[in-house]
Amino acid sequence: MGYMAVGNNKPYMTNKAIILSRVSSNHQTLEQQTEAVLKEVRKDGYTDDNIIIIEDKESAIKLSEEERNGLNRMKEYINNDPSINAVYLYEISRLSRRQTILFNIRDYLIQRKIQLIILQPYMRLLDENGEMQQSTSLMFSVFSSFCESEMALKKVRMMRGRRHNISIGKIGSGRPPFGYAINKEKYYIVDPITSKIVERFFLQYSKGDTTIADIAKELKEEGHFPNTSFDTLQQNLLRWLEREFYVGIPPYPQIISKSLFNKVQSVRKKRKCAPKKKNNNRFLLKGLLYDGENGKRMSGWTNGDSYNVSHNKGLTIKRKLIDPLLWEYAKKLYRKHIMNPSIMKRQLQKDLAVIGKKVDTIRTEMKSIRDKMDKVEERMIFGNLSNERGEELIEKLKDQLSDKERRLLELTNETVYKQQQMVEAEFLGDFNEDTMTLDDKIAIVRKVVKKITIVRTLKFTAHISIFNNLNDIVSVYEIKGRRYTSTLIDEYHLKEKKTS
């Protein structure tokens, strides 16, 4: 069996055999399967030098013939080595559990006159003349049908097991969503590191003054998600906003509160409905004013002297009535809460720590880019890369390096500026309104004011309720149009108002 004649005057060629072993999961072992087949191969006269063993751990249910590494290696050996004349298996399912693939492999072996020997149940594909007998064909068809039926039953059992695991709070399959991990008992648990990123993202987005792109850029610069592209990260963050299970829907434990999730959905809805921003904003309170009766947003009128809901019958208020009131209100709270030296220094220290992390990340990325440039040049020197392709790659890397250097310079300047602010915090005085632009004032107002509602109580009288970003105190002013006067008539705590 170990030798065959290839011609009258040609030397004998030593035949070789392939042993194909496969298990579908990591906890199964290949050794026993291979040893059992190896005894049969040696019995047929093959020596150890002429036996090729292919062992793999891969699923015959999930993978197609083209994706199976073991089958591909078997075909590669057969195509490149004409001395191979037999393939040995422990059982037919080691080839595949799909009938179409089994028949494809059978025909492939028959065309090349390669014998297939299966131990359980024992079967030899070809007779002494290299032909497949009718009885063998029937036997092969029957057992290949059993394999496919077993595969279908196994899939049903797997799905039933997954549904059962999910029903008792265990993981069904796949990787856990970002923010979670899996314990030894296969239950979802809150990951102590990634869950903080999820919570931070929802809190930042809920404030309504930052975009997903801004948050993604910040996370990248701080060294999070180093292997995720900026565009992919934005898409991932967008999907997080829809994950209601973060509030604690079984089998997932809670990461964020239900109220925070609802607040984020409200911000998303407002952004979808909000009018597109225009350049050259001439209105101090644009985007902050709402009709207290119907909740509609008020916008600046084209003539420039009023805010209104609609040009005809909607609520309208003149800028000279409300802009001075809100500017004085914003200045007062800005001086008290934001320009406070101790508060400002604490915030500056936090800002500098974050900038420090960004600088470290960018320097690491710059080192990585320089290393890539060195490797490209090395490949060009040793002839592994053409000069044209190498120069093209180096130019791209140089562009990336320039972007990083530019960003590093920005962060360095920002660090110097904030360090200077730290020094000046002890001597903090007042801002000079005479040198301030409208954009400067808008920035201060938006740091202080969350929203403003207006309710008309009389023809020339309105009540203005100001909600701020600093605490839960709502200030209510009464404005009289004819006299152009404003009076503080009430202040209340927002939480107390809701419970009363």
Protein backbone atom coordinates (compact mmCIF):
# COMPACT_ATOMS: atom_id res chain seq x y z
CA MET A 1 0.00 0.00 0.00
CA GLY A 2 2.93 2.33 0.70
CA TYR A 3 4.17 2.31 -2.92
CA MET A 4 2.70 2.48 -6.41
CA ALA A 5 4.14 2.18 -9.94
CA VAL A 6 3.85 5.28 -12.09
CA GLY A 7 5.17 3.84 -15.36
CA ASN A 8 7.06 0.93 -16.94
CA ASN A 9 10.50 2.52 -16.82
CA LYS A 10 9.87 5.13 -14.06
CA PRO A 11 10.98 4.77 -10.44
CA TYR A 12 8.47 4.05 -7.71
CA MET A 13 6.91 7.05 -5.93
CA THR A 14 6.19 6.92 -2.20
CA ASN A 15 2.50 7.53 -1.51
CA LYS A 16 1.29 9.87 1.19
CA ALA A 17 -1.91 10.08 3.24
CA ILE A 18 -3.70 13.01 4.91
CA ILE A 19 -5.35 12.73 8.30
CA LEU A 20 -8.03 15.40 8.73
CA SER A 21 -9.11 15.99 12.35
CA ARG A 22 -11.47 18.71 13.51
CA VAL A 23 -13.32 19.77 16.65
CA SER A 24 -15.81 22.62 16.80
CA SER A 25 -15.05 24.14 20.23
CA ASN A 26 -12.03 24.92 22.37
CA HIS A 27 -12.98 22.56 25.22
CA GLN A 28 -12.86 19.55 22.85
CA THR A 29 -9.53 17.81 22.21
CA LEU A 30 -8.04 16.63 18.92
CA GLU A 31 -5.52 14.12 20.29
CA GLN A 32 -7.83 11.11 20.80
CA GLN A 33 -9.45 11.60 17.39
CA THR A 34 -6.09 11.84 15.62
CA GLU A 35 -4.57 8.86 17.47
CA ALA A 36 -7.50 6.59 16.52
CA VAL A 37 -7.14 7.50 12.81
CA LEU A 38 -3.35 7.24 12.96
CA LYS A 39 -3.55 3.53 13.92
CA GLU A 40 -5.65 2.83 10.81
CA VAL A 41 -3.26 4.76 8.54
CA ARG A 42 -0.22 2.86 9.83
CA LYS A 43 -2.11 -0.42 9.43
CA ASP A 44 -2.51 0.43 5.73
CA GLY A 45 1.27 0.69 5.36
CA TYR A 46 1.99 4.41 5.56
CA THR A 47 5.05 5.46 7.55
CA ASP A 48 5.12 8.50 9.81
CA ASP A 49 7.22 10.39 7.25
CA ASN A 50 4.46 9.97 4.68
CA ILE A 51 1.53 11.01 6.88
CA ILE A 52 0.26 14.62 6.80
CA ILE A 53 -1.83 15.57 9.83
CA ILE A 54 -4.22 18.53 9.60
CA GLU A 55 -5.84 19.48 12.90
CA ASP A 56 -8.29 22.38 13.33
CA LYS A 57 -10.71 23.83 15.83
CA GLU A 58 -13.51 25.39 13.78
CA SER A 59 -17.25 25.07 13.36
CA ALA A 60 -18.66 22.90 10.59
CA ILE A 61 -22.05 24.58 11.16
CA LYS A 62 -21.02 28.23 10.87
CA LEU A 63 -18.33 28.08 8.16
CA SER A 64 -18.75 27.43 4.45
CA GLU A 65 -16.36 25.22 2.44
CA GLU A 66 -14.48 28.33 1.27
CA GLU A 67 -14.02 29.53 4.85
CA ARG A 68 -12.89 26.21 6.38
CA ASN A 69 -9.15 26.39 7.04
CA GLY A 70 -8.73 22.61 7.37
CA LEU A 71 -10.40 21.83 4.03
CA ASN A 72 -8.45 24.55 2.27
CA ARG A 73 -5.16 23.17 3.59
CA MET A 74 -6.17 19.65 2.50
CA LYS A 75 -6.90 20.87 -1.04
CA GLU A 76 -3.66 22.83 -1.13
CA TYR A 77 -1.65 19.71 -0.22
CA ILE A 78 -3.47 17.59 -2.82
CA ASN A 79 -3.08 20.19 -5.60
CA ASN A 80 0.65 20.61 -4.93
CA ASP A 81 1.65 17.00 -4.16
CA PRO A 82 0.66 14.25 -6.65
CA SER A 83 1.96 11.53 -4.30
CA ILE A 84 -1.06 11.99 -1.95
CA ASN A 85 -3.51 9.18 -2.66
CA ALA A 86 -5.68 8.91 0.49
CA VAL A 87 -7.54 11.02 3.07
CA TYR A 88 -8.50 9.54 6.45
CA LEU A 89 -11.25 10.76 8.80
CA TYR A 90 -12.62 9.59 12.14
CA GLU A 91 -16.21 10.24 11.01
CA ILE A 92 -17.89 11.90 8.03
CA SER A 93 -18.93 15.02 10.01
CA ARG A 94 -15.22 15.92 10.36
CA LEU A 95 -15.43 17.04 6.72
CA SER A 96 -18.63 19.01 7.10
CA ARG A 97 -22.21 18.79 8.33
CA ARG A 98 -23.67 20.24 5.13
CA GLN A 99 -24.69 17.81 2.39
CA THR A 100 -23.75 20.11 -0.49
CA ILE A 101 -20.20 20.55 0.85
CA LEU A 102 -19.83 16.81 1.52
CA PHE A 103 -20.83 15.97 -2.05
CA ASN A 104 -18.49 18.64 -3.43
CA ILE A 105 -15.54 17.17 -1.51
CA ARG A 106 -16.52 13.61 -2.51
CA ASP A 107 -16.56 14.55 -6.22
CA TYR A 108 -13.27 16.45 -5.80
CA LEU A 109 -11.59 13.31 -4.42
CA ILE A 110 -13.17 10.96 -6.99
CA GLN A 111 -11.93 13.10 -9.90
CA ARG A 112 -8.36 12.81 -8.57
CA LYS A 113 -8.64 9.08 -7.75
CA ILE A 114 -7.92 9.79 -4.07
CA GLN A 115 -9.27 7.27 -1.59
CA LEU A 116 -11.40 8.48 1.35
CA ILE A 117 -11.41 6.21 4.44
CA ILE A 118 -13.88 6.92 7.27
CA LEU A 119 -13.61 4.99 10.55
CA GLN A 120 -17.05 5.61 12.11
CA PRO A 121 -18.95 4.01 10.45
CA TYR A 122 -16.23 2.30 8.44
CA MET A 123 -16.37 3.27 4.79
CA ARG A 124 -13.95 3.28 1.83
CA LEU A 125 -15.04 5.62 -0.95
CA LEU A 126 -13.35 3.91 -3.94
CA ASP A 127 -12.93 0.30 -4.94
CA GLU A 128 -9.71 -1.30 -6.28
CA ASN A 129 -10.37 0.21 -9.73
CA GLY A 130 -10.72 3.75 -8.35
CA GLU A 131 -14.48 3.80 -8.89
CA MET A 132 -17.29 4.50 -6.42
CA GLN A 133 -19.68 1.56 -5.94
CA GLN A 134 -23.46 1.97 -5.76
CA SER A 135 -23.61 0.67 -2.19
CA THR A 136 -20.88 3.06 -1.06
CA SER A 137 -22.66 5.97 -2.77
CA LEU A 138 -25.88 5.11 -0.94
CA MET A 139 -24.08 4.79 2.38
CA PHE A 140 -22.32 8.14 1.87
CA SER A 141 -25.64 9.84 1.04
CA VAL A 142 -27.41 8.39 4.10
CA PHE A 143 -24.74 9.44 6.58
CA SER A 144 -24.31 12.88 5.01
CA SER A 145 -28.07 13.32 5.47
CA PHE A 146 -27.68 12.32 9.15
CA CYS A 147 -24.95 14.96 9.52
CA GLU A 148 -27.17 17.73 8.19
CA SER A 149 -30.10 16.63 10.37
CA GLU A 150 -27.84 16.60 13.41
CA MET A 151 -26.63 20.08 12.46
CA ALA A 152 -30.24 21.35 12.32
CA LEU A 153 -31.01 19.79 15.73
CA LYS A 154 -27.83 21.29 17.19
CA LYS A 155 -28.83 24.75 15.92
CA VAL A 156 -32.26 24.37 17.56
CA ARG A 157 -30.63 23.32 20.84
CA MET A 158 -28.21 26.24 20.64
CA MET A 159 -31.02 28.75 20.08
CA ARG A 160 -33.07 27.19 22.87
CA GLY A 161 -30.07 27.43 25.18
CA ARG A 162 -29.51 31.08 24.26
CA ARG A 163 -33.15 31.95 24.87
CA HIS A 164 -33.01 30.19 28.25
CA ASN A 165 -29.82 32.04 29.22
CA ILE A 166 -31.38 35.38 28.25
CA SER A 167 -34.56 34.58 30.21
CA ILE A 168 -32.53 34.09 33.42
CA GLY A 169 -30.34 37.13 32.81
CA LYS A 170 -27.29 35.44 31.28
CA ILE A 171 -25.52 36.37 28.06
CA GLY A 172 -27.04 34.93 24.90
CA SER A 173 -24.06 35.09 22.53
CA GLY A 174 -21.41 37.43 21.18
CA ARG A 175 -19.52 40.22 22.92
CA PRO A 176 -21.22 42.35 25.58
CA PRO A 177 -22.22 45.93 24.64
CA PHE A 178 -19.74 48.68 25.50
CA GLY A 179 -19.98 49.42 29.21
CA TYR A 180 -20.56 45.83 30.28
CA ALA A 181 -18.47 42.73 31.00
CA ILE A 182 -19.33 39.07 31.65
CA ASN A 183 -18.58 37.25 34.89
CA LYS A 184 -17.70 33.56 35.30
CA GLU A 185 -21.38 32.62 35.62
CA LYS A 186 -22.10 34.24 32.20
CA TYR A 187 -24.09 37.14 33.67
CA TYR A 188 -23.74 40.73 32.47
CA ILE A 189 -22.00 43.02 34.95
CA VAL A 190 -21.10 46.73 34.81
CA ASP A 191 -17.53 47.20 33.61
CA PRO A 192 -15.88 49.64 36.07
CA ILE A 193 -13.85 51.42 33.35
CA THR A 194 -15.93 51.50 30.17
CA SER A 195 -19.18 52.22 32.04
CA LYS A 196 -17.67 55.52 33.24
CA ILE A 197 -17.12 56.53 29.61
CA VAL A 198 -20.78 55.73 28.82
CA GLU A 199 -22.00 57.73 31.82
CA ARG A 200 -19.74 60.65 30.95
CA PHE A 201 -20.94 60.66 27.33
CA PHE A 202 -24.62 60.78 28.31
CA LEU A 203 -23.98 63.56 30.87
CA GLN A 204 -22.04 65.69 28.36
CA TYR A 205 -24.60 65.23 25.60
CA SER A 206 -27.53 65.96 27.94
CA LYS A 207 -26.26 69.50 28.54
CA GLY A 208 -27.19 70.34 24.95
CA ASP A 209 -24.16 72.55 24.30
CA THR A 210 -21.84 70.00 22.69
CA THR A 211 -22.01 67.71 19.66
CA ILE A 212 -21.19 64.04 19.20
CA ALA A 213 -18.22 65.07 17.06
CA ASP A 214 -16.87 67.26 19.88
CA ILE A 215 -17.18 64.42 22.41
CA ALA A 216 -15.61 61.90 20.00
CA LYS A 217 -12.67 64.24 19.39
CA GLU A 218 -12.18 64.71 23.13
CA LEU A 219 -12.27 60.95 23.82
CA LYS A 220 -9.76 60.28 21.04
CA GLU A 221 -7.39 62.97 22.28
CA GLU A 222 -7.52 61.57 25.81
CA GLY A 223 -6.34 58.20 24.53
CA HIS A 224 -9.63 56.31 24.57
CA PHE A 225 -10.50 54.14 21.53
CA PRO A 226 -6.98 54.26 20.00
CA ASN A 227 -7.83 51.57 17.43
CA THR A 228 -11.16 53.09 16.35
CA SER A 229 -11.32 55.67 13.59
CA PHE A 230 -12.92 59.04 14.30
CA ASP A 231 -15.84 58.43 11.93
CA THR A 232 -16.53 54.95 13.35
CA LEU A 233 -16.41 56.33 16.89
CA GLN A 234 -19.02 58.97 16.00
CA GLN A 235 -21.31 56.28 14.61
CA ASN A 236 -20.82 54.15 17.73
CA LEU A 237 -21.64 57.08 20.02
CA LEU A 238 -24.76 57.82 18.00
CA ARG A 239 -25.90 54.21 18.53
CA TRP A 240 -25.28 54.52 22.28
CA LEU A 241 -27.95 57.23 22.46
CA GLU A 242 -30.58 54.66 21.42
CA ARG A 243 -29.53 51.98 23.93
CA GLU A 244 -32.30 52.18 26.48
CA PHE A 245 -30.96 49.06 28.22
CA TYR A 246 -28.27 51.31 29.77
CA VAL A 247 -30.97 52.32 32.29
CA GLY A 248 -31.10 48.74 33.58
CA ILE A 249 -33.39 46.59 31.41
CA PRO A 250 -32.81 42.86 32.10
CA PRO A 251 -30.44 41.18 31.53
CA TYR A 252 -28.37 44.39 31.64
CA PRO A 253 -27.58 46.13 34.95
CA GLN A 254 -28.03 49.90 35.24
CA ILE A 255 -25.31 52.31 34.13
CA ILE A 256 -27.31 55.57 33.77
CA SER A 257 -30.56 56.78 35.30
CA LYS A 258 -33.87 56.75 33.47
CA SER A 259 -34.18 60.53 33.89
CA LEU A 260 -30.77 61.07 32.26
CA PHE A 261 -31.72 58.85 29.31
CA ASN A 262 -35.01 60.74 28.86
CA LYS A 263 -33.18 64.06 29.04
CA VAL A 264 -30.80 62.93 26.29
CA GLN A 265 -33.74 61.89 24.10
CA SER A 266 -35.28 65.32 24.65
CA VAL A 267 -32.02 67.01 23.57
CA ARG A 268 -31.90 64.81 20.46
CA LYS A 269 -35.47 65.72 19.57
CA LYS A 270 -34.83 69.44 19.99
CA ARG A 271 -31.75 69.27 17.82
CA LYS A 272 -33.65 67.53 15.05
CA CYS A 273 -36.40 70.18 15.16
CA ALA A 274 -34.13 73.18 15.75
CA PRO A 275 -33.60 75.62 12.87
CA LYS A 276 -30.21 75.53 11.22
CA LYS A 277 -27.68 77.92 12.68
CA LYS A 278 -26.78 80.98 10.65
CA ASN A 279 -23.64 83.03 10.72
CA ASN A 280 -23.47 86.57 12.11
CA ASN A 281 -25.82 86.03 15.05
CA ARG A 282 -27.12 89.52 16.01
CA PHE A 283 -29.40 88.31 18.83
CA LEU A 284 -28.17 87.96 22.41
CA LEU A 285 -30.87 85.43 23.41
CA LYS A 286 -31.37 83.51 20.17
CA GLY A 287 -32.33 79.90 20.88
CA LEU A 288 -33.03 80.50 24.58
CA LEU A 289 -36.52 82.06 24.47
CA TYR A 290 -39.77 80.05 24.59
CA ASP A 291 -43.45 80.91 24.66
CA GLY A 292 -44.54 79.84 28.16
CA GLU A 293 -48.06 79.00 26.95
CA ASN A 294 -47.32 76.56 24.14
CA GLY A 295 -43.59 75.83 24.55
CA LYS A 296 -42.68 77.04 21.05
CA ARG A 297 -39.23 78.47 20.51
CA MET A 298 -38.99 82.18 19.73
CA SER A 299 -36.57 83.47 17.11
CA GLY A 300 -35.11 86.83 16.15
CA TRP A 301 -37.25 88.87 13.80
CA THR A 302 -35.68 90.03 10.55
CA ASN A 303 -36.01 93.71 11.41
CA GLY A 304 -33.62 93.05 14.30
CA ASP A 305 -35.52 94.66 17.19
CA SER A 306 -37.77 91.79 18.41
CA TYR A 307 -38.09 88.13 19.23
CA ASN A 308 -41.25 86.36 18.15
CA VAL A 309 -43.01 83.01 17.60
CA SER A 310 -44.67 84.00 14.31
CA HIS A 311 -44.80 87.24 12.35
CA ASN A 312 -48.59 87.60 12.56
CA LYS A 313 -50.40 86.48 15.73
CA GLY A 314 -47.66 84.88 17.83
CA LEU A 315 -46.04 86.21 20.99
CA THR A 316 -43.59 89.06 20.35
CA ILE A 317 -41.27 90.92 22.72
CA LYS A 318 -38.89 93.76 21.95
CA ARG A 319 -35.18 93.26 22.45
CA LYS A 320 -34.77 96.48 24.41
CA LEU A 321 -37.18 95.08 27.02
CA ILE A 322 -35.54 91.69 27.60
CA ASP A 323 -31.88 91.85 26.45
CA PRO A 324 -30.73 94.33 29.17
CA LEU A 325 -32.55 92.34 31.88
CA LEU A 326 -30.93 89.04 30.86
CA TRP A 327 -27.50 90.59 30.44
CA GLU A 328 -27.57 92.01 33.98
CA TYR A 329 -28.84 88.68 35.31
CA ALA A 330 -26.10 86.74 33.47
CA LYS A 331 -23.34 89.13 34.62
CA LYS A 332 -24.40 88.80 38.24
CA LEU A 333 -24.36 84.98 38.26
CA TYR A 334 -21.24 84.80 36.10
CA ARG A 335 -19.30 86.96 38.57
CA LYS A 336 -20.63 85.04 41.57
CA HIS A 337 -20.25 81.44 40.40
CA ILE A 338 -17.83 81.34 37.49
CA MET A 339 -15.40 84.18 38.24
CA ASN A 340 -14.98 83.04 41.85
CA PRO A 341 -11.16 82.57 42.24
CA SER A 342 -11.27 79.23 44.12
CA ILE A 343 -13.91 77.75 41.79
CA MET A 344 -12.04 79.00 38.76
CA LYS A 345 -8.72 77.53 39.96
CA ARG A 346 -10.27 74.12 40.60
CA GLN A 347 -11.77 74.12 37.11
CA LEU A 348 -8.48 75.24 35.57
CA GLN A 349 -6.64 72.40 37.37
CA LYS A 350 -9.13 69.89 35.92
CA ASP A 351 -8.72 71.43 32.46
CA LEU A 352 -4.92 71.24 32.68
CA ALA A 353 -5.08 67.57 33.73
CA VAL A 354 -7.26 66.75 30.72
CA ILE A 355 -4.95 68.71 28.39
CA GLY A 356 -1.99 66.79 29.84
CA LYS A 357 -3.63 63.47 28.89
CA LYS A 358 -4.32 64.77 25.38
CA VAL A 359 -0.69 65.88 25.00
CA ASP A 360 0.59 62.46 26.13
CA THR A 361 -1.74 60.71 23.65
CA ILE A 362 -0.69 62.92 20.74
CA ARG A 363 3.01 62.43 21.54
CA THR A 364 2.49 58.65 21.55
CA GLU A 365 0.69 58.88 18.20
CA MET A 366 3.51 61.03 16.79
CA LYS A 367 6.09 58.45 17.89
CA SER A 368 4.03 55.72 16.22
CA ILE A 369 3.89 57.72 12.96
CA ARG A 370 7.68 58.28 13.01
CA ASP A 371 8.22 54.53 13.61
CA LYS A 372 6.01 53.77 10.59
CA MET A 373 8.06 56.18 8.47
CA ASP A 374 11.27 54.42 9.56
CA LYS A 375 9.81 51.02 8.62
CA VAL A 376 8.72 52.28 5.19
CA GLU A 377 12.22 53.64 4.54
CA GLU A 378 13.74 50.34 5.71
CA ARG A 379 11.52 48.37 3.30
CA MET A 380 12.53 50.73 0.47
CA ILE A 381 16.25 50.22 1.24
CA PHE A 382 15.99 46.42 1.20
CA GLY A 383 13.86 46.38 -1.95
CA ASN A 384 10.67 45.12 -0.30
CA LEU A 385 8.78 48.22 -1.38
CA SER A 386 9.01 50.24 -4.57
CA ASN A 387 10.32 53.80 -4.31
CA GLU A 388 7.13 55.20 -5.82
CA ARG A 389 4.85 53.43 -3.33
CA GLY A 390 7.23 54.19 -0.47
CA GLU A 391 7.31 57.91 -1.24
CA GLU A 392 3.52 57.93 -1.43
CA LEU A 393 3.22 56.31 2.01
CA ILE A 394 5.80 58.65 3.53
CA GLU A 395 3.94 61.72 2.21
CA LYS A 396 0.71 60.50 3.84
CA LEU A 397 2.52 59.86 7.13
CA LYS A 398 4.12 63.32 6.94
CA ASP A 399 0.66 64.87 6.54
CA GLN A 400 -0.57 62.95 9.58
CA LEU A 401 2.50 64.04 11.55
CA SER A 402 1.92 67.69 10.58
CA ASP A 403 -1.69 67.50 11.80
CA LYS A 404 -0.52 66.05 15.13
CA GLU A 405 2.21 68.70 15.47
CA ARG A 406 -0.34 71.43 14.76
CA ARG A 407 -2.71 70.03 17.39
CA LEU A 408 0.16 69.68 19.88
CA LEU A 409 1.02 73.35 19.37
CA GLU A 410 -2.63 74.30 19.99
CA LEU A 411 -2.69 72.30 23.23
CA THR A 412 0.65 73.77 24.31
CA ASN A 413 -0.69 77.30 23.78
CA GLU A 414 -3.88 76.36 25.63
CA THR A 415 -1.78 75.05 28.53
CA VAL A 416 0.20 78.28 28.72
CA TYR A 417 -3.03 80.31 28.60
CA LYS A 418 -4.67 78.33 31.41
CA GLN A 419 -1.50 78.42 33.52
CA GLN A 420 -1.54 82.20 33.13
CA GLN A 421 -5.19 82.19 34.20
CA MET A 422 -4.18 80.21 37.30
CA VAL A 423 -1.69 82.93 38.20
CA GLU A 424 -4.19 85.70 37.52
CA ALA A 425 -7.06 83.98 39.38
CA GLU A 426 -6.01 85.48 42.74
CA PHE A 427 -6.14 88.96 41.22
CA LEU A 428 -9.34 88.37 39.29
CA GLY A 429 -11.23 91.58 38.78
CA ASP A 430 -14.21 92.44 36.60
CA PHE A 431 -14.52 92.14 32.82
CA ASN A 432 -14.49 95.27 30.69
CA GLU A 433 -17.83 95.56 28.89
CA ASP A 434 -16.53 98.34 26.66
CA THR A 435 -14.12 95.95 24.93
CA MET A 436 -16.56 93.00 24.70
CA THR A 437 -18.11 91.91 21.42
CA LEU A 438 -21.64 90.56 21.05
CA ASP A 439 -20.16 87.05 20.71
CA ASP A 440 -18.37 87.51 24.06
CA LYS A 441 -21.65 88.44 25.70
CA ILE A 442 -23.51 85.56 24.06
CA ALA A 443 -20.87 83.15 25.41
CA ILE A 444 -21.36 84.45 28.96
CA VAL A 445 -25.16 84.31 28.70
CA ARG A 446 -25.10 80.73 27.44
CA LYS A 447 -22.81 79.62 30.26
CA VAL A 448 -25.31 80.95 32.78
CA VAL A 449 -28.78 80.72 31.19
CA LYS A 450 -30.42 77.43 30.27
CA LYS A 451 -33.73 78.75 28.93
CA ILE A 452 -36.22 81.60 29.32
CA THR A 453 -40.02 81.31 29.19
CA ILE A 454 -42.33 84.28 28.54
CA VAL A 455 -46.00 84.46 29.49
CA ARG A 456 -48.09 87.55 28.64
CA THR A 457 -50.34 88.34 31.64
CA LEU A 458 -51.75 91.67 30.37
CA LYS A 459 -51.54 93.54 27.09
CA PHE A 460 -48.36 95.39 28.08
CA THR A 461 -47.18 93.09 30.88
CA ALA A 462 -45.25 89.81 30.74
CA HIS A 463 -43.71 87.40 33.24
CA ILE A 464 -40.18 86.22 32.39
CA SER A 465 -38.97 82.97 34.03
CA ILE A 466 -35.20 82.40 33.83
CA PHE A 467 -33.81 78.87 34.26
CA ASN A 468 -30.04 78.79 34.79
CA ASN A 469 -27.29 76.17 34.35
CA LEU A 470 -25.75 76.74 37.78
CA ASN A 471 -28.44 75.75 40.27
CA ASP A 472 -32.14 74.87 40.42
CA ILE A 473 -33.32 78.38 41.34
CA VAL A 474 -35.79 79.90 38.85
CA SER A 475 -36.05 83.71 38.83
CA VAL A 476 -39.33 85.32 37.70
CA TYR A 477 -39.41 88.94 36.54
CA GLU A 478 -42.36 91.11 35.62
CA ILE A 479 -41.79 93.39 32.62
CA LYS A 480 -44.04 96.37 31.83
CA GLY A 481 -43.86 97.43 28.19
CA ARG A 482 -45.08 101.04 28.45
CA ARG A 483 -42.74 101.97 31.28
CA TYR A 484 -39.85 99.72 30.20
CA THR A 485 -39.42 98.47 33.77
CA SER A 486 -38.56 95.03 35.16
CA THR A 487 -39.11 93.77 38.71
CA LEU A 488 -38.11 90.52 40.40
CA ILE A 489 -41.42 89.11 41.69
CA ASP A 490 -40.52 85.52 42.62
CA GLU A 491 -37.70 83.01 43.05
CA TYR A 492 -38.31 79.34 43.68
CA HIS A 493 -36.47 76.04 43.77
CA LEU A 494 -37.29 73.96 40.72
CA LYS A 495 -37.51 70.64 42.60
CA GLU A 496 -39.78 72.12 45.28
CA LYS A 497 -42.08 73.52 42.59
CA LYS A 498 -42.41 70.09 40.97
CA THR A 499 -43.33 68.36 44.22
CA SER A 500 -45.80 71.02 45.36
